[in-house]
Amino acid sequence: MQCKKTFKHHGRVQWEFQGNSNARWILTRDVFGFRKRIISTFGFPAVTEIQVGEYLLAGNSFSEFSTVKYEIRAKFTIQGVVEKSDVVGAIFGQTEGLIGEELDIRELQKSGRIGRINVEMESKDGLTTGYIIIPSSLDRVETAIMAATIETVDRVGPCIAEFELESLEDVRKKKRDKIIGRATELLQKWDLEVAPETQEITDKVSEARLSDDIVTYGEENLPAGPEVEMDATIIICEGRADVLNLLSIGVKNAIATNGTKVPKTIAQLSKKKTTIAFLDGDRGGDMILNELLQVGKIDFVARAPQGKEVEDLTKKDLLKALQGKVAYVNNKPVTRMTFTSQEHQKHQERKQDTRQLKSRAQDTSQKSRNKKKYSKKPSRTIPAKRSRTKVTSDAAGDIPDELRKVAKDVLGTTKARFLDENLKLVKEVPTSLIVDELQKEDGNIKNILFDGIISQRLLDISTKEGVKIIIGTRIGNVKKPRGIKVYSISDIAA
């Protein structure tokens, strides 16, 4: 059984009861005693006054004040033995008219703005000590004034008394703490039950949006990104989910094999474009890579971390895997160590040639001095080796307008673009592989644009392969062969 006070006015107190049988009734106490009025029983029998009496005898009490904001707690010491009613009477009597009628305790109680004065005390050796508690619904300023007024009480009956404020508490803080605790509990429950469902809906909406961007490609209707046909580079992955995941980070040139068997469409496409194989870090990824190396052409290989699949990678992991791709030449992995060893060998050969030339020059010089010393015949001198001179750009007016427009596009890409005689893009390759890739084209390349320095080796091989125009970021100290034009991007774009 529960009860709460709902009304108090002019000595009449009213409580509302909620019984275990869901019955509700009003209990009113006035000068005539207890009177009960049934509000609603919802089909259950009415609760009697005997049950109310049992409720009180069980030690329960009525909640007399349900709109409490603050609670005044003051302790007192009285030099004598008194009763609780004496303490309450002293407070009423000594504060009456002290601070005006608006803050008179008796009037405030009648209007329900402060609650019943609760007194707890004990007497020992002729001295009475204890404390009083006054619930208040006044504002902060009025409650503080009321607390200060209580401290002015200096007598209880004939006995000297001293009242001192112990605390002035905000009762609503307990309610706020309870609200915070309950709200935290509800949020935790929400995170466990509602949030996963919300995340699932979000994922489905995102997947549906990305699915609209997927196209089918080739005879096998392979799932692919919308730019797989137009882009000079393609990314080969295993399944539709991998293409979706790459679309989520803006990669629109991916195409899926739809299994471990490589379709004919992908094998043919890999020979026409720069190809990146982006595969799972498991046995299935190994099988697809081995078959791709047999039936197609691979320029780079990127792998998901060991034991993970491309479709499960986060945006950060996807970008990291693509940036860490390994270059392949002739379908074999090429590491930096390989290039370093080749460059080192060439460097050693150049040093050896230099030593031999110096040695020959010294020997010749010594013989010349000896001949001058012992013979008057003029000595023969060996002509110095003709040094290479820096080649400047050809006349910028001779370059086609189409090349002039796209020249700046390669800056900062570390890529080289091969174009045919009709200025159509044939292939895009890394600058470091430009010579190797050029030799594979069997003379089909007539124009080269690349982000790098034009070297003598590149000029010699380009002349051999029938290239007509080379455009780079800078021209090195080279000797230009006949039949080829050389430009720097800065000169033609000026």
Protein backbone atom coordinates (compact mmCIF):
# COMPACT_ATOMS: atom_id res chain seq x y z
CA MET A 1 0.00 0.00 0.00
CA GLN A 2 1.27 3.49 -0.89
CA CYS A 3 0.06 6.93 0.05
CA LYS A 4 0.90 10.58 -0.54
CA LYS A 5 -0.42 13.86 0.69
CA THR A 6 -2.39 15.73 -1.96
CA PHE A 7 -3.98 18.66 -0.10
CA LYS A 8 -3.66 20.64 3.09
CA HIS A 9 -5.65 23.73 4.06
CA HIS A 10 -6.91 25.28 7.30
CA GLY A 11 -6.14 22.31 9.50
CA ARG A 12 -7.53 19.70 7.10
CA VAL A 13 -5.05 17.18 5.75
CA GLN A 14 -5.79 14.91 2.81
CA TRP A 15 -3.89 11.80 1.58
CA GLU A 16 -4.39 9.72 -1.52
CA PHE A 17 -3.98 5.94 -1.12
CA GLN A 18 -3.08 3.30 -3.70
CA GLY A 19 -3.96 -0.18 -2.46
CA ASN A 20 -2.42 -3.48 -3.56
CA SER A 21 -5.65 -4.26 -5.39
CA ASN A 22 -5.25 -1.08 -7.49
CA ALA A 23 -8.06 0.59 -5.51
CA ARG A 24 -7.66 4.34 -4.93
CA TRP A 25 -9.32 6.39 -2.24
CA ILE A 26 -9.01 9.68 -0.38
CA LEU A 27 -8.42 9.84 3.38
CA THR A 28 -9.17 13.16 5.02
CA ARG A 29 -8.30 14.15 8.57
CA ASP A 30 -9.84 17.21 10.20
CA VAL A 31 -11.24 18.18 13.58
CA PHE A 32 -13.86 15.47 13.20
CA GLY A 33 -11.27 12.71 12.72
CA PHE A 34 -10.60 10.44 9.71
CA ARG A 35 -13.05 10.31 6.84
CA LYS A 36 -12.61 8.25 3.69
CA ARG A 37 -13.95 8.75 0.16
CA ILE A 38 -13.56 6.14 -2.58
CA ILE A 39 -12.21 7.50 -5.90
CA SER A 40 -12.05 4.33 -7.95
CA THR A 41 -11.79 0.64 -7.20
CA PHE A 42 -11.47 -0.57 -10.80
CA GLY A 43 -13.81 -3.45 -9.97
CA PHE A 44 -12.05 -4.39 -6.72
CA PRO A 45 -13.57 -4.12 -3.22
CA ALA A 46 -13.15 -0.87 -1.33
CA VAL A 47 -10.44 -0.61 1.31
CA THR A 48 -11.76 -0.05 4.83
CA GLU A 49 -10.65 2.25 7.63
CA ILE A 50 -9.43 -0.86 9.48
CA GLN A 51 -6.89 -1.47 6.71
CA VAL A 52 -5.78 2.17 7.00
CA GLY A 53 -5.34 1.70 10.74
CA GLU A 54 -3.28 -1.43 10.13
CA TYR A 55 -1.14 0.57 7.71
CA LEU A 56 -0.42 3.15 10.41
CA LEU A 57 0.17 0.56 13.18
CA ALA A 58 2.75 -1.16 10.95
CA GLY A 59 4.99 1.88 11.41
CA ASN A 60 4.16 3.59 8.11
CA SER A 61 3.59 7.32 7.91
CA PHE A 62 1.92 9.68 5.47
CA SER A 63 4.09 11.72 3.14
CA GLU A 64 2.90 15.18 4.10
CA PHE A 65 4.83 17.24 1.61
CA SER A 66 5.44 16.21 -1.95
CA THR A 67 6.78 19.49 -3.49
CA VAL A 68 9.84 20.01 -1.28
CA LYS A 69 12.72 21.98 -2.83
CA TYR A 70 14.92 22.58 0.22
CA GLU A 71 15.30 21.18 3.69
CA ILE A 72 16.29 23.28 6.73
CA ARG A 73 18.10 21.25 9.39
CA ALA A 74 18.97 23.00 12.69
CA LYS A 75 20.29 21.59 15.94
CA PHE A 76 19.33 22.93 19.36
CA THR A 77 20.43 22.76 22.97
CA ILE A 78 17.92 23.52 25.80
CA GLN A 79 18.88 23.93 29.45
CA GLY A 80 16.00 21.93 30.84
CA VAL A 81 13.61 19.11 30.07
CA VAL A 82 10.90 19.96 27.53
CA GLU A 83 8.50 18.21 25.12
CA LYS A 84 8.41 18.29 21.31
CA SER A 85 5.31 20.44 21.37
CA ASP A 86 7.19 23.00 23.48
CA VAL A 87 9.90 23.29 20.81
CA VAL A 88 7.36 23.69 18.01
CA GLY A 89 5.38 26.24 20.03
CA ALA A 90 8.54 28.26 20.74
CA ILE A 91 9.34 28.43 17.03
CA PHE A 92 5.81 29.57 16.14
CA GLY A 93 5.59 32.06 19.01
CA GLN A 94 9.03 33.72 18.74
CA THR A 95 9.02 34.08 14.95
CA GLU A 96 5.47 35.38 14.60
CA GLY A 97 5.46 38.90 13.12
CA LEU A 98 9.26 38.97 13.10
CA ILE A 99 9.78 39.09 9.33
CA GLY A 100 6.36 40.08 8.06
CA GLU A 101 3.13 38.25 7.40
CA GLU A 102 4.28 36.86 4.02
CA LEU A 103 6.99 34.77 5.70
CA ASP A 104 5.10 33.89 8.87
CA ILE A 105 5.63 30.18 9.54
CA ARG A 106 2.02 29.54 10.53
CA GLU A 107 0.68 31.16 7.35
CA LEU A 108 3.25 29.39 5.20
CA GLN A 109 2.16 26.05 6.63
CA LYS A 110 -1.49 26.80 5.95
CA SER A 111 -0.70 27.63 2.33
CA GLY A 112 1.47 24.53 1.99
CA ARG A 113 4.69 26.41 1.19
CA ILE A 114 6.54 24.81 4.11
CA GLY A 115 5.91 21.44 5.65
CA ARG A 116 5.43 20.04 9.12
CA ILE A 117 8.20 20.80 11.63
CA ASN A 118 9.78 17.46 12.55
CA VAL A 119 11.50 17.35 15.93
CA GLU A 120 13.93 14.69 17.12
CA MET A 121 15.37 15.13 20.65
CA GLU A 122 16.57 13.45 23.83
CA SER A 123 16.97 14.62 27.46
CA LYS A 124 19.92 13.72 29.68
CA ASP A 125 21.11 15.19 32.98
CA GLY A 126 18.62 18.04 32.76
CA LEU A 127 19.79 19.01 29.26
CA THR A 128 17.73 18.51 26.10
CA THR A 129 19.46 18.26 22.72
CA GLY A 130 18.21 17.41 19.27
CA TYR A 131 17.44 18.82 15.84
CA ILE A 132 14.53 20.05 13.78
CA ILE A 133 13.81 19.51 10.06
CA ILE A 134 11.60 21.88 8.08
CA PRO A 135 10.81 21.04 4.43
CA SER A 136 10.40 24.12 2.23
CA SER A 137 9.04 24.90 -1.22
CA LEU A 138 10.07 28.56 -1.01
CA ASP A 139 12.74 29.97 -3.27
CA ARG A 140 16.38 30.08 -2.18
CA VAL A 141 16.30 33.61 -0.75
CA GLU A 142 13.11 33.02 1.28
CA THR A 143 14.41 29.66 2.53
CA ALA A 144 17.66 31.30 3.68
CA ILE A 145 15.66 33.98 5.52
CA MET A 146 13.53 31.29 7.17
CA ALA A 147 16.69 29.44 8.32
CA ALA A 148 18.15 32.62 9.79
CA THR A 149 14.84 33.29 11.57
CA ILE A 150 14.93 29.87 13.29
CA GLU A 151 18.32 30.75 14.79
CA THR A 152 16.76 33.73 16.63
CA VAL A 153 14.75 31.41 18.95
CA ASP A 154 16.46 31.70 22.37
CA ARG A 155 13.88 30.19 24.78
CA VAL A 156 11.68 27.13 24.90
CA GLY A 157 9.16 27.65 27.65
CA PRO A 158 11.05 28.95 30.68
CA CYS A 159 14.33 27.32 29.57
CA ILE A 160 17.22 29.00 27.79
CA ALA A 161 17.75 27.55 24.31
CA GLU A 162 20.20 27.90 21.48
CA PHE A 163 19.34 27.03 17.83
CA GLU A 164 22.08 26.72 15.20
CA LEU A 165 21.69 25.94 11.49
CA GLU A 166 23.37 22.64 10.66
CA SER A 167 22.64 22.38 6.94
CA LEU A 168 20.53 23.82 4.15
CA GLU A 169 20.11 21.07 1.57
CA ASP A 170 18.68 21.05 -1.93
CA VAL A 171 16.34 18.05 -1.84
CA ARG A 172 16.05 18.11 -5.61
CA LYS A 173 19.72 17.13 -5.87
CA LYS A 174 18.76 13.64 -4.74
CA LYS A 175 16.14 13.53 -7.46
CA ARG A 176 18.65 14.77 -10.02
CA ASP A 177 21.14 12.09 -8.96
CA LYS A 178 18.40 9.51 -9.27
CA ILE A 179 17.49 10.86 -12.72
CA ILE A 180 21.14 10.72 -13.84
CA GLY A 181 21.53 7.17 -12.56
CA ARG A 182 18.33 6.01 -14.23
CA ALA A 183 19.14 7.84 -17.48
CA THR A 184 22.58 6.20 -17.56
CA GLU A 185 20.97 2.82 -17.03
CA LEU A 186 18.47 3.48 -19.84
CA LEU A 187 21.24 4.61 -22.22
CA GLN A 188 23.29 1.49 -21.50
CA LYS A 189 20.25 -0.64 -22.18
CA TRP A 190 19.57 1.39 -25.32
CA ASP A 191 23.14 0.88 -26.55
CA LEU A 192 22.73 -2.87 -26.16
CA GLU A 193 19.27 -3.19 -27.65
CA VAL A 194 18.44 -0.18 -29.84
CA ALA A 195 21.81 1.06 -31.16
CA PRO A 196 22.80 -2.17 -32.97
CA GLU A 197 19.47 -2.10 -34.79
CA THR A 198 20.04 1.55 -35.73
CA GLN A 199 23.55 0.76 -36.98
CA GLU A 200 22.17 -2.12 -38.98
CA ILE A 201 19.66 0.21 -40.67
CA THR A 202 22.43 2.74 -41.41
CA ASP A 203 24.61 0.03 -42.94
CA LYS A 204 21.75 -1.21 -45.10
CA VAL A 205 20.97 2.31 -46.36
CA SER A 206 24.65 2.94 -47.16
CA GLU A 207 24.96 -0.40 -48.91
CA ALA A 208 21.81 0.27 -50.94
CA ARG A 209 23.16 3.67 -52.01
CA LEU A 210 26.52 2.19 -53.07
CA SER A 211 24.82 -0.73 -54.80
CA ASP A 212 23.24 1.75 -57.22
CA ASP A 213 26.77 2.69 -58.38
CA ILE A 214 27.78 -0.90 -59.21
CA VAL A 215 27.59 -1.86 -62.88
CA THR A 216 27.95 -5.20 -64.65
CA TYR A 217 30.87 -5.62 -67.05
CA GLY A 218 31.73 -8.10 -69.78
CA GLU A 219 30.08 -11.28 -70.95
CA GLU A 220 30.19 -12.74 -67.42
CA ASN A 221 28.29 -9.70 -65.98
CA LEU A 222 31.04 -9.08 -63.43
CA PRO A 223 30.32 -6.52 -60.66
CA ALA A 224 32.44 -3.42 -61.21
CA GLY A 225 32.74 0.25 -60.40
CA PRO A 226 31.24 2.81 -62.79
CA GLU A 227 34.67 4.01 -64.08
CA VAL A 228 36.27 0.64 -64.85
CA GLU A 229 35.83 1.17 -68.60
CA MET A 230 37.17 4.75 -68.75
CA ASP A 231 40.03 4.60 -66.23
CA ALA A 232 43.52 3.67 -67.41
CA THR A 233 44.00 1.63 -64.21
CA ILE A 234 41.82 -1.16 -62.85
CA ILE A 235 41.75 -2.89 -59.45
CA ILE A 236 40.95 -6.60 -59.50
CA CYS A 237 39.32 -8.02 -56.35
CA GLU A 238 37.47 -11.18 -55.47
CA GLY A 239 33.77 -10.42 -54.87
CA ARG A 240 30.93 -7.90 -55.05
CA ALA A 241 31.37 -6.99 -51.37
CA ASP A 242 34.98 -5.98 -52.07
CA VAL A 243 33.82 -3.63 -54.85
CA LEU A 244 31.23 -2.12 -52.47
CA ASN A 245 33.86 -1.53 -49.80
CA LEU A 246 36.15 0.19 -52.30
CA LEU A 247 33.25 2.34 -53.52
CA SER A 248 32.75 3.52 -49.93
CA ILE A 249 36.17 5.26 -50.07
CA GLY A 250 35.63 6.65 -53.58
CA VAL A 251 37.49 3.97 -55.60
CA LYS A 252 35.30 3.46 -58.69
CA ASN A 253 37.60 1.46 -60.99
CA ALA A 254 37.41 -1.94 -59.23
CA ILE A 255 36.16 -5.16 -60.82
CA ALA A 256 35.50 -8.54 -59.17
CA THR A 257 36.37 -12.03 -60.38
CA ASN A 258 33.30 -13.52 -58.63
CA GLY A 259 35.32 -16.44 -57.31
CA THR A 260 38.78 -17.95 -57.48
CA LYS A 261 38.62 -18.60 -61.25
CA VAL A 262 39.72 -15.63 -63.33
CA PRO A 263 37.16 -14.76 -66.06
CA LYS A 264 38.27 -14.24 -69.65
CA THR A 265 37.09 -10.62 -69.54
CA ILE A 266 39.48 -9.75 -66.69
CA ALA A 267 42.38 -11.59 -68.34
CA GLN A 268 41.94 -9.52 -71.51
CA LEU A 269 41.34 -6.26 -69.63
CA SER A 270 44.52 -6.69 -67.57
CA LYS A 271 46.61 -6.70 -70.78
CA LYS A 272 45.18 -3.35 -71.92
CA LYS A 273 45.32 -1.36 -68.67
CA THR A 274 47.55 -0.82 -65.66
CA THR A 275 46.37 -3.58 -63.34
CA ILE A 276 46.37 -3.73 -59.53
CA ALA A 277 45.40 -7.04 -57.93
CA PHE A 278 43.86 -6.29 -54.50
CA LEU A 279 43.22 -9.67 -52.87
CA ASP A 280 42.29 -11.23 -49.53
CA GLY A 281 45.01 -12.29 -47.13
CA ASP A 282 44.07 -15.98 -47.29
CA ARG A 283 44.47 -19.09 -49.42
CA GLY A 284 41.77 -17.92 -51.84
CA GLY A 285 43.72 -14.72 -52.54
CA ASP A 286 46.85 -16.78 -53.30
CA MET A 287 44.94 -18.94 -55.79
CA ILE A 288 43.50 -15.92 -57.65
CA LEU A 289 46.95 -14.25 -57.82
CA ASN A 290 48.61 -17.40 -59.23
CA GLU A 291 45.98 -17.70 -61.97
CA LEU A 292 46.15 -13.99 -62.79
CA LEU A 293 49.92 -14.27 -63.28
CA GLN A 294 49.32 -17.13 -65.74
CA VAL A 295 46.45 -15.77 -67.85
CA GLY A 296 46.78 -12.01 -67.49
CA LYS A 297 49.21 -9.16 -66.80
CA ILE A 298 49.74 -7.73 -63.33
CA ASP A 299 51.52 -4.42 -62.65
CA PHE A 300 50.95 -4.19 -58.88
CA VAL A 301 49.77 -6.49 -56.10
CA ALA A 302 48.11 -5.31 -52.86
CA ARG A 303 47.00 -7.73 -50.16
CA ALA A 304 44.73 -7.49 -47.12
CA PRO A 305 46.44 -8.31 -43.77
CA GLN A 306 46.96 -12.00 -43.11
CA GLY A 307 43.68 -13.74 -42.30
CA LYS A 308 41.50 -10.74 -43.27
CA GLU A 309 39.30 -10.06 -46.28
CA VAL A 310 39.08 -6.88 -48.36
CA GLU A 311 35.35 -6.52 -47.67
CA ASP A 312 36.01 -6.32 -43.88
CA LEU A 313 38.76 -3.67 -43.99
CA THR A 314 38.19 -0.16 -42.66
CA LYS A 315 38.89 2.95 -44.74
CA LYS A 316 42.27 3.35 -43.07
CA ASP A 317 43.24 -0.28 -43.72
CA LEU A 318 42.11 -0.09 -47.37
CA LEU A 319 44.25 2.98 -48.06
CA LYS A 320 47.22 1.48 -46.21
CA ALA A 321 47.02 -1.75 -48.23
CA LEU A 322 46.77 0.10 -51.57
CA GLN A 323 49.69 2.39 -50.70
CA GLY A 324 51.81 -0.64 -49.81
CA LYS A 325 51.30 -2.38 -53.17
CA VAL A 326 54.25 -4.24 -54.71
CA ALA A 327 55.31 -3.56 -58.31
CA TYR A 328 55.46 -6.47 -60.79
CA VAL A 329 57.48 -6.55 -64.03
CA ASN A 330 56.89 -9.39 -66.48
CA ASN A 331 54.53 -10.81 -63.83
CA LYS A 332 57.37 -11.06 -61.33
CA PRO A 333 57.69 -8.97 -58.16
CA VAL A 334 60.28 -6.19 -58.31
CA THR A 335 61.77 -4.90 -55.08
CA ARG A 336 63.90 -1.86 -54.49
CA MET A 337 66.83 -4.13 -53.70
CA THR A 338 66.72 -5.42 -57.28
CA PHE A 339 66.99 -1.93 -58.72
CA THR A 340 69.68 -1.00 -56.21
CA SER A 341 71.85 -3.96 -57.18
CA GLN A 342 71.49 -3.13 -60.89
CA GLU A 343 72.29 0.53 -60.30
CA HIS A 344 75.24 -0.46 -58.12
CA GLN A 345 76.61 -2.73 -60.86
CA LYS A 346 76.31 0.04 -63.45
CA HIS A 347 77.96 2.49 -61.08
CA GLN A 348 80.88 0.11 -60.55
CA GLU A 349 81.26 -0.34 -64.31
CA ARG A 350 81.34 3.43 -64.82
CA LYS A 351 83.96 3.81 -62.10
CA GLN A 352 86.08 1.08 -63.72
CA ASP A 353 85.86 2.80 -67.13
CA THR A 354 86.88 6.09 -65.52
CA ARG A 355 89.91 4.49 -63.88
CA GLN A 356 91.02 2.94 -67.18
CA LEU A 357 90.67 6.26 -69.02
CA LYS A 358 92.71 8.07 -66.34
CA SER A 359 95.36 5.39 -66.46
CA ARG A 360 95.64 5.62 -70.25
CA ALA A 361 95.82 9.40 -70.08
CA GLN A 362 98.61 9.27 -67.49
CA ASP A 363 100.59 6.74 -69.53
CA THR A 364 100.22 8.83 -72.67
CA SER A 365 101.28 11.99 -70.85
CA GLN A 366 104.38 10.28 -69.46
CA LYS A 367 105.38 8.96 -72.88
CA SER A 368 104.90 12.42 -74.34
CA ARG A 369 107.20 13.99 -71.78
CA ASN A 370 109.82 11.35 -72.42
CA LYS A 371 109.68 11.97 -76.19
CA LYS A 372 110.02 15.72 -75.67
CA LYS A 373 113.02 15.11 -73.51
CA TYR A 374 114.89 12.79 -75.87
CA SER A 375 113.51 13.78 -79.28
CA LYS A 376 112.69 16.96 -81.07
CA LYS A 377 109.85 15.38 -82.98
CA PRO A 378 106.46 16.83 -82.08
CA SER A 379 104.55 14.54 -79.74
CA ARG A 380 101.12 13.18 -80.58
CA THR A 381 98.31 14.23 -78.30
CA ILE A 382 95.19 12.21 -77.63
CA PRO A 383 92.04 14.28 -78.25
CA ALA A 384 89.89 14.74 -75.18
CA LYS A 385 86.65 12.78 -75.04
CA ARG A 386 83.75 14.85 -76.27
CA SER A 387 81.52 15.72 -73.31
CA ARG A 388 77.75 15.78 -73.46
CA THR A 389 76.11 19.16 -73.56
CA LYS A 390 72.81 20.08 -72.01
CA VAL A 391 70.02 19.88 -74.58
CA THR A 392 67.44 22.64 -74.54
CA SER A 393 63.80 22.18 -75.47
CA ASP A 394 62.80 22.20 -79.12
CA ALA A 395 60.63 25.01 -80.38
CA ALA A 396 57.44 24.95 -78.31
CA GLY A 397 55.36 25.98 -81.29
CA ASP A 398 55.86 22.61 -82.96
CA ILE A 399 54.08 20.64 -80.21
CA PRO A 400 50.44 19.62 -80.78
CA ASP A 401 47.86 21.53 -78.76
CA GLU A 402 46.45 18.28 -77.31
CA LEU A 403 49.80 17.45 -75.70
CA ARG A 404 50.22 21.01 -74.46
CA LYS A 405 46.87 20.81 -72.62
CA VAL A 406 47.52 17.52 -70.77
CA ALA A 407 51.22 18.02 -70.05
CA LYS A 408 50.68 19.48 -66.57
CA ASP A 409 48.44 16.56 -65.55
CA VAL A 410 51.44 14.27 -64.94
CA LEU A 411 53.21 16.63 -62.53
CA GLY A 412 53.48 15.12 -59.06
CA THR A 413 52.04 11.73 -60.12
CA THR A 414 55.37 9.83 -60.57
CA LYS A 415 53.63 8.27 -63.59
CA ALA A 416 54.37 8.07 -67.31
CA ARG A 417 51.73 8.14 -70.05
CA PHE A 418 52.24 6.38 -73.39
CA LEU A 419 50.29 7.79 -76.36
CA ASP A 420 50.01 6.50 -79.92
CA GLU A 421 50.37 8.56 -83.12
CA ASN A 422 46.72 9.69 -82.79
CA LEU A 423 47.49 11.03 -79.27
CA LYS A 424 45.26 8.39 -77.63
CA LEU A 425 46.30 7.00 -74.26
CA VAL A 426 47.72 3.48 -74.56
CA LYS A 427 49.07 2.86 -71.07
CA GLU A 428 49.98 4.59 -67.81
CA VAL A 429 52.96 3.17 -65.91
CA PRO A 430 55.18 4.18 -62.96
CA THR A 431 58.09 6.41 -63.93
CA SER A 432 60.56 3.89 -62.50
CA LEU A 433 59.37 1.27 -65.04
CA ILE A 434 59.14 3.52 -68.09
CA VAL A 435 62.04 1.92 -70.00
CA ASP A 436 60.96 -1.69 -69.34
CA GLU A 437 57.34 -1.00 -70.27
CA LEU A 438 58.32 0.94 -73.42
CA GLN A 439 60.26 -2.05 -74.76
CA LYS A 440 57.11 -4.23 -74.49
CA GLU A 441 55.05 -2.08 -76.86
CA ASP A 442 56.78 -3.08 -80.12
CA GLY A 443 56.97 0.43 -81.55
CA ASN A 444 53.34 1.42 -80.94
CA ILE A 445 54.25 4.37 -78.71
CA LYS A 446 54.91 7.70 -80.46
CA ASN A 447 54.52 10.21 -77.59
CA ILE A 448 55.60 10.01 -73.95
CA LEU A 449 54.60 12.35 -71.09
CA PHE A 450 56.09 11.59 -67.69
CA ASP A 451 56.90 13.03 -64.28
CA GLY A 452 60.69 12.71 -64.28
CA ILE A 453 64.04 13.74 -65.79
CA ILE A 454 64.75 12.89 -69.44
CA SER A 455 67.92 10.76 -69.39
CA GLN A 456 70.29 9.61 -72.14
CA ARG A 457 69.22 5.98 -71.69
CA LEU A 458 65.57 6.92 -72.16
CA LEU A 459 66.39 8.92 -75.31
CA ASP A 460 68.39 6.07 -76.83
CA ILE A 461 65.72 3.44 -76.21
CA SER A 462 62.90 5.80 -77.27
CA THR A 463 64.70 6.43 -80.57
CA LYS A 464 65.07 2.71 -81.08
CA GLU A 465 61.35 2.14 -80.34
CA GLY A 466 60.22 4.85 -82.76
CA VAL A 467 59.10 7.53 -80.25
CA LYS A 468 58.74 10.99 -81.80
CA ILE A 469 58.08 13.29 -78.81
CA ILE A 470 59.19 13.07 -75.16
CA ILE A 471 57.93 15.54 -72.53
CA GLY A 472 59.37 15.44 -68.99
CA THR A 473 59.70 17.70 -65.98
CA ARG A 474 63.36 18.44 -66.81
CA ILE A 475 65.98 17.61 -69.46
CA GLY A 476 69.24 16.12 -68.20
CA ASN A 477 72.76 16.50 -69.68
CA VAL A 478 72.13 14.42 -72.76
CA LYS A 479 72.99 14.26 -76.45
CA LYS A 480 69.78 14.27 -78.44
CA PRO A 481 69.53 11.67 -81.21
CA ARG A 482 68.08 12.61 -84.58
CA GLY A 483 64.39 12.18 -85.33
CA ILE A 484 63.10 12.84 -81.77
CA LYS A 485 61.83 16.04 -80.15
CA VAL A 486 62.41 16.79 -76.47
CA TYR A 487 60.44 19.23 -74.32
CA SER A 488 60.24 20.19 -70.65
CA ILE A 489 56.79 20.73 -69.16
CA SER A 490 57.72 24.19 -67.87
CA ASP A 491 58.68 25.36 -71.38
CA ILE A 492 55.57 24.21 -73.23
CA ALA A 493 53.17 25.24 -70.48
CA ALA A 494 54.62 28.74 -70.21
